[in-house]
C-alpha cells in the first residue's frame, strides 16, 4: 500500500557530539519505520574501543563538577 521512501540522515548523524564516544559507542545510522498505527525508531551504532582521552577527560571533569 505504501512505498518505502529513503530519507538521508547523514546530516543528523554527523552532528553527534564528540562526547558521545565517551560512552563507548557512536551512532552510525538512524531508521524510522511506520507500521500500522505505530512508529519504530531504530539507531545503529559502532562500538569505540579507544575514545579520545582529551575529549573524555574534560567531559568527565565537567560532569563531576556539575550539581
PDB file of N, CA and C in Angstrom:
ATOM      1  N   UNK A   1       0.823  -1.177   0.000  1.00  0.00           N
ATOM      2  CA  UNK A   1       0.000   0.000   0.000  1.00  0.00           C
ATOM      3  C   UNK A   1       0.880   1.259   0.000  1.00  0.00           C
ATOM      4  N   UNK A   2       1.850   1.314   0.905  1.00  0.00           N
ATOM      5  CA  UNK A   2       2.750   2.463   0.944  1.00  0.00           C
ATOM      6  C   UNK A   2       4.106   2.045   0.404  1.00  0.00           C
ATOM      7  N   UNK A   3       4.716   2.925  -0.294  1.00  0.00           N
ATOM      8  CA  UNK A   3       6.021   2.637  -0.856  1.00  0.00           C
ATOM      9  C   UNK A   3       7.111   3.247   0.027  1.00  0.00           C
ATOM     10  N   UNK A   4       8.233   2.530   0.163  1.00  0.00           N
ATOM     11  CA  UNK A   4       9.332   2.991   1.009  1.00  0.00           C
ATOM     12  C   UNK A   4      10.019   4.187   0.360  1.00  0.00           C
ATOM     13  N   UNK A   5      10.232   5.216   1.159  1.00  0.00           N
ATOM     14  CA  UNK A   5      10.888   6.428   0.674  1.00  0.00           C
ATOM     15  C   UNK A   5      12.120   6.668   1.544  1.00  0.00           C
ATOM     16  N   UNK A   6      13.314   6.442   1.015  1.00  0.00           N
ATOM     17  CA  UNK A   6      14.518   6.674   1.820  1.00  0.00           C
ATOM     18  C   UNK A   6      14.791   8.164   1.990  1.00  0.00           C
ATOM     19  N   UNK A   7      15.152   8.523   3.197  1.00  0.00           N
ATOM     20  CA  UNK A   7      15.491   9.914   3.508  1.00  0.00           C
ATOM     21  C   UNK A   7      16.895   9.907   4.098  1.00  0.00           C
ATOM     22  N   UNK A   8      17.836  10.616   3.505  1.00  0.00           N
ATOM     23  CA  UNK A   8      19.197  10.613   4.048  1.00  0.00           C
ATOM     24  C   UNK A   8      19.259  11.319   5.394  1.00  0.00           C
ATOM     25  N   UNK A   9      19.893  10.674   6.356  1.00  0.00           N
ATOM     26  CA  UNK A   9      20.033  11.267   7.685  1.00  0.00           C
ATOM     27  C   UNK A   9      21.494  11.580   7.990  1.00  0.00           C
ATOM     28  N   UNK A  10      22.292  11.663   6.964  1.00  0.00           N
ATOM     29  CA  UNK A  10      23.723  11.919   7.145  1.00  0.00           C
ATOM     30  C   UNK A  10      24.010  13.163   7.952  1.00  0.00           C
ATOM     31  N   UNK A  11      23.238  14.213   7.745  1.00  0.00           N
ATOM     32  CA  UNK A  11      23.473  15.456   8.481  1.00  0.00           C
ATOM     33  C   UNK A  11      23.215  15.273   9.969  1.00  0.00           C
ATOM     34  N   UNK A  12      22.176  14.518  10.315  1.00  0.00           N
ATOM     35  CA  UNK A  12      21.862  14.292  11.724  1.00  0.00           C
ATOM     36  C   UNK A  12      22.969  13.467  12.373  1.00  0.00           C
ATOM     37  N   UNK A  13      23.406  12.431  11.680  1.00  0.00           N
ATOM     38  CA  UNK A  13      24.440  11.559  12.231  1.00  0.00           C
ATOM     39  C   UNK A  13      25.767  12.309  12.378  1.00  0.00           C
ATOM     40  N   UNK A  14      26.094  13.184  11.436  1.00  0.00           N
ATOM     41  CA  UNK A  14      27.348  13.942  11.504  1.00  0.00           C
ATOM     42  C   UNK A  14      27.356  14.952  12.647  1.00  0.00           C
ATOM     43  N   UNK A  15      26.177  15.321  13.148  1.00  0.00           N
ATOM     44  CA  UNK A  15      26.085  16.306  14.218  1.00  0.00           C
ATOM     45  C   UNK A  15      26.145  15.677  15.610  1.00  0.00           C
ATOM     46  N   UNK A  16      26.523  14.401  15.699  1.00  0.00           N
ATOM     47  CA  UNK A  16      26.691  13.769  17.007  1.00  0.00           C
ATOM     48  C   UNK A  16      27.742  14.531  17.798  1.00  0.00           C
ATOM     49  N   UNK A  17      27.492  14.769  19.080  1.00  0.00           N
ATOM     50  CA  UNK A  17      28.524  15.444  19.873  1.00  0.00           C
ATOM     51  C   UNK A  17      29.728  14.526  20.064  1.00  0.00           C
ATOM     52  N   UNK A  18      30.928  15.077  20.089  1.00  0.00           N
ATOM     53  CA  UNK A  18      32.117  14.230  20.262  1.00  0.00           C
ATOM     54  C   UNK A  18      32.134  13.521  21.615  1.00  0.00           C
ATOM     55  N   UNK A  19      31.411  14.059  22.608  1.00  0.00           N
ATOM     56  CA  UNK A  19      31.370  13.454  23.941  1.00  0.00           C
ATOM     57  C   UNK A  19      30.634  12.114  23.947  1.00  0.00           C
ATOM     58  N   UNK A  20      29.888  11.825  22.902  1.00  0.00           N
ATOM     59  CA  UNK A  20      29.155  10.561  22.822  1.00  0.00           C
ATOM     60  C   UNK A  20      30.106   9.370  22.827  1.00  0.00           C
ATOM     61  N   UNK A  21      31.301   9.544  22.282  1.00  0.00           N
ATOM     62  CA  UNK A  21      32.277   8.453  22.252  1.00  0.00           C
ATOM     63  C   UNK A  21      32.739   8.042  23.641  1.00  0.00           C
ATOM     64  N   UNK A  22      32.569   8.906  24.627  1.00  0.00           N
ATOM     65  CA  UNK A  22      32.978   8.587  25.995  1.00  0.00           C
ATOM     66  C   UNK A  22      32.119   7.473  26.597  1.00  0.00           C
ATOM     67  N   UNK A  23      30.949   7.239  26.040  1.00  0.00           N
ATOM     68  CA  UNK A  23      30.075   6.161  26.498  1.00  0.00           C
ATOM     69  C   UNK A  23      30.397   4.835  25.808  1.00  0.00           C
ATOM     70  N   UNK A  24      31.349   4.842  24.864  1.00  0.00           N
ATOM     71  CA  UNK A  24      31.804   3.616  24.229  1.00  0.00           C
ATOM     72  C   UNK A  24      31.157   3.295  22.897  1.00  0.00           C
ATOM     73  N   UNK A  25      30.366   4.213  22.357  1.00  0.00           N
ATOM     74  CA  UNK A  25      29.743   3.968  21.054  1.00  0.00           C
ATOM     75  C   UNK A  25      29.530   5.286  20.328  1.00  0.00           C
ATOM     76  N   UNK A  26      29.223   5.189  19.036  1.00  0.00           N
ATOM     77  CA  UNK A  26      28.878   6.344  18.225  1.00  0.00           C
ATOM     78  C   UNK A  26      27.771   5.929  17.263  1.00  0.00           C
ATOM     79  N   UNK A  27      26.815   6.772  17.015  1.00  0.00           N
ATOM     80  CA  UNK A  27      25.669   6.437  16.159  1.00  0.00           C
ATOM     81  C   UNK A  27      26.084   6.514  14.696  1.00  0.00           C
ATOM     82  N   UNK A  28      25.799   5.450  13.939  1.00  0.00           N
ATOM     83  CA  UNK A  28      26.133   5.386  12.516  1.00  0.00           C
ATOM     84  C   UNK A  28      24.954   5.709  11.616  1.00  0.00           C
ATOM     85  N   UNK A  29      23.772   5.230  11.978  1.00  0.00           N
ATOM     86  CA  UNK A  29      22.608   5.395  11.109  1.00  0.00           C
ATOM     87  C   UNK A  29      21.348   5.401  11.957  1.00  0.00           C
ATOM     88  N   UNK A  30      20.303   5.983  11.408  1.00  0.00           N
ATOM     89  CA  UNK A  30      19.013   6.064  12.094  1.00  0.00           C
ATOM     90  C   UNK A  30      17.945   5.515  11.159  1.00  0.00           C
ATOM     91  N   UNK A  31      17.078   4.678  11.691  1.00  0.00           N
ATOM     92  CA  UNK A  31      15.978   4.132  10.908  1.00  0.00           C
ATOM     93  C   UNK A  31      14.644   4.557  11.502  1.00  0.00           C
ATOM     94  N   UNK A  32      13.700   4.901  10.654  1.00  0.00           N
ATOM     95  CA  UNK A  32      12.378   5.328  11.093  1.00  0.00           C
ATOM     96  C   UNK A  32      11.353   4.600  10.239  1.00  0.00           C
ATOM     97  N   UNK A  33      10.551   3.737  10.864  1.00  0.00           N
ATOM     98  CA  UNK A  33       9.557   2.942  10.148  1.00  0.00           C
ATOM     99  C   UNK A  33       8.171   3.217  10.695  1.00  0.00           C
ATOM    100  N   UNK A  34       7.199   3.280   9.810  1.00  0.00           N
ATOM    101  CA  UNK A  34       5.802   3.423  10.189  1.00  0.00           C
ATOM    102  C   UNK A  34       5.087   2.130   9.851  1.00  0.00           C
ATOM    103  N   UNK A  35       4.517   1.476  10.865  1.00  0.00           N
ATOM    104  CA  UNK A  35       3.800   0.217  10.670  1.00  0.00           C
ATOM    105  C   UNK A  35       2.446   0.328  11.345  1.00  0.00           C
ATOM    106  N   UNK A  36       1.413   0.231  10.554  1.00  0.00           N
ATOM    107  CA  UNK A  36       0.029   0.380  11.025  1.00  0.00           C
ATOM    108  C   UNK A  36      -0.093   1.712  11.759  1.00  0.00           C
ATOM    109  N   UNK A  37      -0.384   1.682  13.040  1.00  0.00           N
ATOM    110  CA  UNK A  37      -0.570   2.946  13.765  1.00  0.00           C
ATOM    111  C   UNK A  37       0.619   3.248  14.679  1.00  0.00           C
ATOM    112  N   UNK A  38       1.782   2.629  14.407  1.00  0.00           N
ATOM    113  CA  UNK A  38       2.945   2.814  15.261  1.00  0.00           C
ATOM    114  C   UNK A  38       4.143   3.317  14.462  1.00  0.00           C
ATOM    115  N   UNK A  39       5.033   3.954  15.173  1.00  0.00           N
ATOM    116  CA  UNK A  39       6.285   4.409  14.575  1.00  0.00           C
ATOM    117  C   UNK A  39       7.429   3.690  15.297  1.00  0.00           C
ATOM    118  N   UNK A  40       8.368   3.152  14.538  1.00  0.00           N
ATOM    119  CA  UNK A  40       9.517   2.466  15.106  1.00  0.00           C
ATOM    120  C   UNK A  40      10.773   3.265  14.772  1.00  0.00           C
ATOM    121  N   UNK A  41      11.524   3.639  15.808  1.00  0.00           N
ATOM    122  CA  UNK A  41      12.751   4.424  15.668  1.00  0.00           C
ATOM    123  C   UNK A  41      13.925   3.520  16.021  1.00  0.00           C
ATOM    124  N   UNK A  42      14.839   3.330  15.093  1.00  0.00           N
ATOM    125  CA  UNK A  42      15.975   2.439  15.291  1.00  0.00           C
ATOM    126  C   UNK A  42      17.273   3.204  15.094  1.00  0.00           C
ATOM    127  N   UNK A  43      18.238   2.949  15.960  1.00  0.00           N
ATOM    128  CA  UNK A  43      19.563   3.536  15.778  1.00  0.00           C
ATOM    129  C   UNK A  43      20.581   2.408  15.632  1.00  0.00           C
ATOM    130  N   UNK A  44      21.504   2.596  14.733  1.00  0.00           N
ATOM    131  CA  UNK A  44      22.589   1.655  14.519  1.00  0.00           C
ATOM    132  C   UNK A  44      23.863   2.317  15.009  1.00  0.00           C
ATOM    133  N   UNK A  45      24.634   1.584  15.772  1.00  0.00           N
ATOM    134  CA  UNK A  45      25.801   2.188  16.398  1.00  0.00           C
ATOM    135  C   UNK A  45      27.064   1.388  16.111  1.00  0.00           C
ATOM    136  N   UNK A  46      28.202   2.034  16.366  1.00  0.00           N
ATOM    137  CA  UNK A  46      29.515   1.416  16.222  1.00  0.00           C
ATOM    138  C   UNK A  46      30.224   1.524  17.567  1.00  0.00           C
ATOM    139  N   UNK A  47      30.758   0.408  18.044  1.00  0.00           N
ATOM    140  CA  UNK A  47      31.497   0.424  19.300  1.00  0.00           C
ATOM    141  C   UNK A  47      32.839   1.115  19.108  1.00  0.00           C
ATOM    142  N   UNK A  48      33.248   1.861  20.108  1.00  0.00           N
ATOM    143  CA  UNK A  48      34.521   2.569  20.062  1.00  0.00           C
ATOM    144  C   UNK A  48      35.417   1.996  21.155  1.00  0.00           C
ATOM    145  N   UNK A  49      36.518   1.410  20.751  1.00  0.00           N
ATOM    146  CA  UNK A  49      37.448   0.771  21.692  1.00  0.00           C
ATOM    147  C   UNK A  49      38.250   1.798  22.489  1.00  0.00           C
ATOM    148  N   UNK A  50      38.806   2.795  21.806  1.00  0.00           N
ATOM    149  CA  UNK A  50      39.676   3.781  22.451  1.00  0.00           C
ATOM    150  C   UNK A  50      39.159   5.193  22.191  1.00  0.00           C
ATOM    151  N   UNK A  51      38.269   5.694  23.058  1.00  0.00           N
ATOM    152  CA  UNK A  51      37.800   7.068  22.862  1.00  0.00           C
ATOM    153  C   UNK A  51      38.921   8.075  23.105  1.00  0.00           C
ATOM    154  N   UNK A  52      38.744   9.247  22.564  1.00  0.00           N
ATOM    155  CA  UNK A  52      39.745  10.309  22.693  1.00  0.00           C
ATOM    156  C   UNK A  52      39.878  10.732  24.154  1.00  0.00           C
ATOM    157  N   UNK A  53      41.075  10.616  24.682  1.00  0.00           N
ATOM    158  CA  UNK A  53      41.315  10.938  26.094  1.00  0.00           C
ATOM    159  C   UNK A  53      41.088  12.424  26.372  1.00  0.00           C
ATOM    160  N   UNK A  54      41.482  13.291  25.456  1.00  0.00           N
ATOM    161  CA  UNK A  54      41.335  14.731  25.705  1.00  0.00           C
ATOM    162  C   UNK A  54      39.862  15.136  25.803  1.00  0.00           C
ATOM    163  N   UNK A  55      39.029  14.563  24.952  1.00  0.00           N
ATOM    164  CA  UNK A  55      37.594  14.882  24.972  1.00  0.00           C
ATOM    165  C   UNK A  55      36.943  14.289  26.221  1.00  0.00           C
ATOM    166  N   UNK A  56      37.240  13.030  26.515  1.00  0.00           N
ATOM    167  CA  UNK A  56      36.573  12.340  27.623  1.00  0.00           C
ATOM    168  C   UNK A  56      37.012  12.858  28.988  1.00  0.00           C
ATOM    169  N   UNK A  57      38.288  13.204  29.136  1.00  0.00           N
ATOM    170  CA  UNK A  57      38.751  13.731  30.424  1.00  0.00           C
ATOM    171  C   UNK A  57      38.038  15.039  30.754  1.00  0.00           C
ATOM    172  N   UNK A  58      37.943  15.921  29.790  1.00  0.00           N
ATOM    173  CA  UNK A  58      37.257  17.201  30.011  1.00  0.00           C
ATOM    174  C   UNK A  58      35.767  16.976  30.270  1.00  0.00           C
ATOM    175  N   UNK A  59      35.151  16.059  29.517  1.00  0.00           N
ATOM    176  CA  UNK A  59      33.724  15.767  29.676  1.00  0.00           C
ATOM    177  C   UNK A  59      33.437  15.191  31.066  1.00  0.00           C
ATOM    178  N   UNK A  60      34.226  14.234  31.497  1.00  0.00           N
ATOM    179  CA  UNK A  60      34.017  13.628  32.814  1.00  0.00           C
ATOM    180  C   UNK A  60      34.285  14.619  33.938  1.00  0.00           C
ATOM    181  N   UNK A  61      35.278  15.486  33.758  1.00  0.00           N
ATOM    182  CA  UNK A  61      35.557  16.515  34.758  1.00  0.00           C
ATOM    183  C   UNK A  61      34.376  17.467  34.890  1.00  0.00           C
ATOM    184  N   UNK A  62      33.788  17.836  33.771  1.00  0.00           N
ATOM    185  CA  UNK A  62      32.614  18.718  33.775  1.00  0.00           C
ATOM    186  C   UNK A  62      31.432  18.037  34.469  1.00  0.00           C
ATOM    187  N   UNK A  63      31.246  16.736  34.195  1.00  0.00           N
ATOM    188  CA  UNK A  63      30.154  16.002  34.839  1.00  0.00           C
ATOM    189  C   UNK A  63      30.334  15.933  36.354  1.00  0.00           C
ATOM    190  N   UNK A  64      31.564  15.721  36.804  1.00  0.00           N
ATOM    191  CA  UNK A  64      31.825  15.631  38.232  1.00  0.00           C
ATOM    192  C   UNK A  64      31.614  16.974  38.933  1.00  0.00           C
ATOM    193  N   UNK A  65      31.842  18.070  38.246  1.00  0.00           N
ATOM    194  CA  UNK A  65      31.682  19.401  38.849  1.00  0.00           C
ATOM    195  C   UNK A  65      30.232  19.896  38.806  1.00  0.00           C
ATOM    196  N   UNK A  66      29.402  19.255  38.017  1.00  0.00           N
ATOM    197  CA  UNK A  66      28.009  19.728  37.892  1.00  0.00           C
ATOM    198  C   UNK A  66      27.203  19.346  39.131  1.00  0.00           C
ATOM    199  N   UNK A  67      26.143  20.108  39.408  1.00  0.00           N
ATOM    200  CA  UNK A  67      25.329  19.818  40.616  1.00  0.00           C
ATOM    201  C   UNK A  67      24.545  18.537  40.501  1.00  0.00           C
TER     202      UNK A  67
END
